[in-house]
Amino acid sequence: MELTIGDETLKPLLEEVFIKMIQEKRNVFYEILIEALEDVALGNAIQRGRQNQFVSEERIFAVLEGSL
């Protein structure tokens, strides 16, 4: 016996499952979303850095230490 589900039935079921998972595991999805956004931002920063002048190591440490 084979069970098949049509697209018109499958889509609402998947939507319901995802909504329920997000509601019940909100903190997990929040962490995943934050990490994804950080990865995108880091990727954008790397791309911009490749197009502009390089910054010296001394300048980076000065910024991190708050002396600039």
N, C-alpha and C. Protein backbone atom coordinates (compact mmCIF):
# COMPACT_ATOMS: atom_id res chain seq x y z
N MET A 1 0.84 -1.18 0.00
CA MET A 1 0.00 0.00 0.00
C MET A 1 0.88 1.25 0.00
N GLU A 2 0.61 2.18 -0.88
CA GLU A 2 1.40 3.39 -1.01
C GLU A 2 0.55 4.59 -0.66
N LEU A 3 1.14 5.51 0.10
CA LEU A 3 0.44 6.72 0.51
C LEU A 3 1.00 7.89 -0.28
N THR A 4 0.15 8.64 -0.92
CA THR A 4 0.58 9.83 -1.65
C THR A 4 -0.22 11.03 -1.16
N ILE A 5 0.48 12.16 -1.11
CA ILE A 5 -0.15 13.41 -0.69
C ILE A 5 0.08 14.42 -1.80
N GLY A 6 -0.97 15.05 -2.23
CA GLY A 6 -0.88 16.06 -3.27
C GLY A 6 -0.32 17.36 -2.74
N ASP A 7 0.15 18.19 -3.67
CA ASP A 7 0.70 19.49 -3.29
C ASP A 7 -0.29 20.35 -2.53
N GLU A 8 -1.55 20.29 -2.93
CA GLU A 8 -2.56 21.12 -2.27
C GLU A 8 -2.80 20.70 -0.82
N THR A 9 -2.49 19.47 -0.49
CA THR A 9 -2.61 18.98 0.89
C THR A 9 -1.31 19.16 1.65
N LEU A 10 -0.19 18.94 0.97
CA LEU A 10 1.12 18.98 1.61
C LEU A 10 1.51 20.38 2.08
N LYS A 11 1.26 21.39 1.26
CA LYS A 11 1.67 22.75 1.60
C LYS A 11 1.05 23.23 2.91
N PRO A 12 -0.25 23.14 3.12
CA PRO A 12 -0.82 23.57 4.41
C PRO A 12 -0.29 22.77 5.59
N LEU A 13 -0.04 21.48 5.40
CA LEU A 13 0.50 20.66 6.47
C LEU A 13 1.90 21.13 6.87
N LEU A 14 2.74 21.39 5.87
CA LEU A 14 4.10 21.86 6.15
C LEU A 14 4.08 23.23 6.82
N GLU A 15 3.20 24.11 6.36
CA GLU A 15 3.07 25.42 6.99
C GLU A 15 2.68 25.29 8.45
N GLU A 16 1.74 24.42 8.73
CA GLU A 16 1.29 24.22 10.11
C GLU A 16 2.42 23.67 10.98
N VAL A 17 3.18 22.73 10.44
CA VAL A 17 4.30 22.15 11.19
C VAL A 17 5.35 23.21 11.50
N PHE A 18 5.71 24.01 10.48
CA PHE A 18 6.73 25.04 10.70
C PHE A 18 6.26 26.08 11.70
N ILE A 19 5.03 26.50 11.61
CA ILE A 19 4.51 27.49 12.56
C ILE A 19 4.53 26.93 13.97
N LYS A 20 4.11 25.70 14.13
CA LYS A 20 4.10 25.07 15.46
C LYS A 20 5.52 24.95 16.02
N MET A 21 6.46 24.56 15.15
CA MET A 21 7.86 24.43 15.60
C MET A 21 8.41 25.78 16.03
N ILE A 22 8.12 26.82 15.26
CA ILE A 22 8.62 28.15 15.60
C ILE A 22 8.01 28.63 16.91
N GLN A 23 6.73 28.39 17.11
CA GLN A 23 6.08 28.82 18.34
C GLN A 23 6.63 28.08 19.55
N GLU A 24 6.87 26.79 19.42
CA GLU A 24 7.31 25.99 20.57
C GLU A 24 8.81 26.10 20.83
N LYS A 25 9.59 26.36 19.80
CA LYS A 25 11.04 26.45 19.95
C LYS A 25 11.54 27.82 19.52
N ARG A 26 10.85 28.84 19.97
CA ARG A 26 11.14 30.23 19.58
C ARG A 26 12.60 30.60 19.82
N ASN A 27 13.16 30.23 20.97
CA ASN A 27 14.54 30.60 21.29
C ASN A 27 15.53 29.95 20.32
N VAL A 28 15.27 28.73 19.90
CA VAL A 28 16.16 28.06 18.95
C VAL A 28 16.14 28.78 17.61
N PHE A 29 14.96 29.11 17.11
CA PHE A 29 14.84 29.81 15.83
C PHE A 29 15.41 31.22 15.92
N TYR A 30 15.27 31.86 17.06
CA TYR A 30 15.85 33.19 17.25
C TYR A 30 17.37 33.12 17.12
N GLU A 31 17.99 32.13 17.78
CA GLU A 31 19.44 31.97 17.72
C GLU A 31 19.90 31.66 16.29
N ILE A 32 19.16 30.82 15.59
CA ILE A 32 19.50 30.49 14.20
C ILE A 32 19.43 31.74 13.33
N LEU A 33 18.38 32.52 13.51
CA LEU A 33 18.20 33.74 12.73
C LEU A 33 19.31 34.75 13.00
N ILE A 34 19.66 34.93 14.26
CA ILE A 34 20.72 35.87 14.64
C ILE A 34 22.05 35.43 14.02
N GLU A 35 22.37 34.14 14.11
CA GLU A 35 23.62 33.65 13.53
C GLU A 35 23.65 33.85 12.02
N ALA A 36 22.53 33.62 11.37
CA ALA A 36 22.47 33.81 9.92
C ALA A 36 22.70 35.27 9.56
N LEU A 37 22.08 36.19 10.31
CA LEU A 37 22.26 37.62 10.05
C LEU A 37 23.71 38.04 10.30
N GLU A 38 24.34 37.50 11.35
CA GLU A 38 25.74 37.80 11.62
C GLU A 38 26.64 37.29 10.49
N ASP A 39 26.34 36.11 9.98
CA ASP A 39 27.12 35.56 8.87
C ASP A 39 27.01 36.43 7.62
N VAL A 40 25.80 36.90 7.34
CA VAL A 40 25.60 37.77 6.18
C VAL A 40 26.37 39.08 6.38
N ALA A 41 26.28 39.65 7.57
CA ALA A 41 26.99 40.90 7.85
C ALA A 41 28.50 40.71 7.73
N LEU A 42 29.01 39.60 8.23
CA LEU A 42 30.45 39.33 8.14
C LEU A 42 30.86 39.18 6.67
N GLY A 43 30.05 38.47 5.91
CA GLY A 43 30.34 38.31 4.49
C GLY A 43 30.35 39.64 3.76
N ASN A 44 29.39 40.50 4.08
CA ASN A 44 29.36 41.84 3.48
C ASN A 44 30.59 42.66 3.88
N ALA A 45 30.98 42.57 5.13
CA ALA A 45 32.16 43.30 5.60
C ALA A 45 33.42 42.80 4.90
N ILE A 46 33.52 41.51 4.70
CA ILE A 46 34.68 40.95 4.00
C ILE A 46 34.72 41.45 2.57
N GLN A 47 33.56 41.45 1.91
CA GLN A 47 33.50 41.94 0.52
C GLN A 47 33.91 43.40 0.44
N ARG A 48 33.42 44.23 1.36
CA ARG A 48 33.79 45.65 1.37
C ARG A 48 35.27 45.83 1.66
N GLY A 49 35.79 45.02 2.55
CA GLY A 49 37.20 45.10 2.90
C GLY A 49 38.10 44.74 1.73
N ARG A 50 37.66 43.85 0.90
CA ARG A 50 38.46 43.47 -0.26
C ARG A 50 38.49 44.58 -1.31
N GLN A 51 37.51 45.45 -1.29
CA GLN A 51 37.43 46.51 -2.29
C GLN A 51 38.15 47.77 -1.83
N ASN A 52 38.31 47.95 -0.54
CA ASN A 52 38.93 49.14 0.01
C ASN A 52 40.37 48.85 0.42
N GLN A 53 41.01 49.86 0.97
CA GLN A 53 42.39 49.68 1.44
C GLN A 53 42.40 48.78 2.67
N PHE A 54 43.51 48.07 2.81
CA PHE A 54 43.67 47.24 3.99
C PHE A 54 44.00 48.10 5.19
N VAL A 55 43.57 47.66 6.36
CA VAL A 55 43.82 48.38 7.61
C VAL A 55 44.94 47.67 8.34
N SER A 56 45.83 48.45 8.91
CA SER A 56 46.96 47.85 9.62
C SER A 56 46.50 47.16 10.91
N GLU A 57 47.28 46.22 11.34
CA GLU A 57 46.98 45.49 12.58
C GLU A 57 46.99 46.44 13.77
N GLU A 58 47.89 47.41 13.75
CA GLU A 58 47.97 48.36 14.86
C GLU A 58 46.69 49.18 14.98
N ARG A 59 46.14 49.59 13.84
CA ARG A 59 44.89 50.38 13.86
C ARG A 59 43.73 49.54 14.39
N ILE A 60 43.67 48.28 14.00
CA ILE A 60 42.61 47.39 14.49
C ILE A 60 42.68 47.26 16.01
N PHE A 61 43.90 47.01 16.54
CA PHE A 61 44.05 46.88 17.99
C PHE A 61 43.75 48.19 18.71
N ALA A 62 44.10 49.30 18.09
CA ALA A 62 43.80 50.59 18.70
C ALA A 62 42.30 50.80 18.82
N VAL A 63 41.56 50.42 17.78
CA VAL A 63 40.10 50.54 17.82
C VAL A 63 39.52 49.61 18.89
N LEU A 64 40.01 48.37 18.93
CA LEU A 64 39.51 47.41 19.91
C LEU A 64 39.80 47.83 21.34
N GLU A 65 40.94 48.47 21.54
CA GLU A 65 41.31 48.90 22.89
C GLU A 65 40.68 50.24 23.27
N GLY A 66 40.03 50.88 22.30
CA GLY A 66 39.33 52.13 22.58
C GLY A 66 40.21 53.35 22.56
N SER A 67 41.40 53.26 22.00
CA SER A 67 42.27 54.43 21.97
C SER A 67 42.08 55.27 20.71
N LEU A 68 41.12 54.94 19.87
CA LEU A 68 40.80 55.78 18.71
C LEU A 68 39.40 56.29 18.81
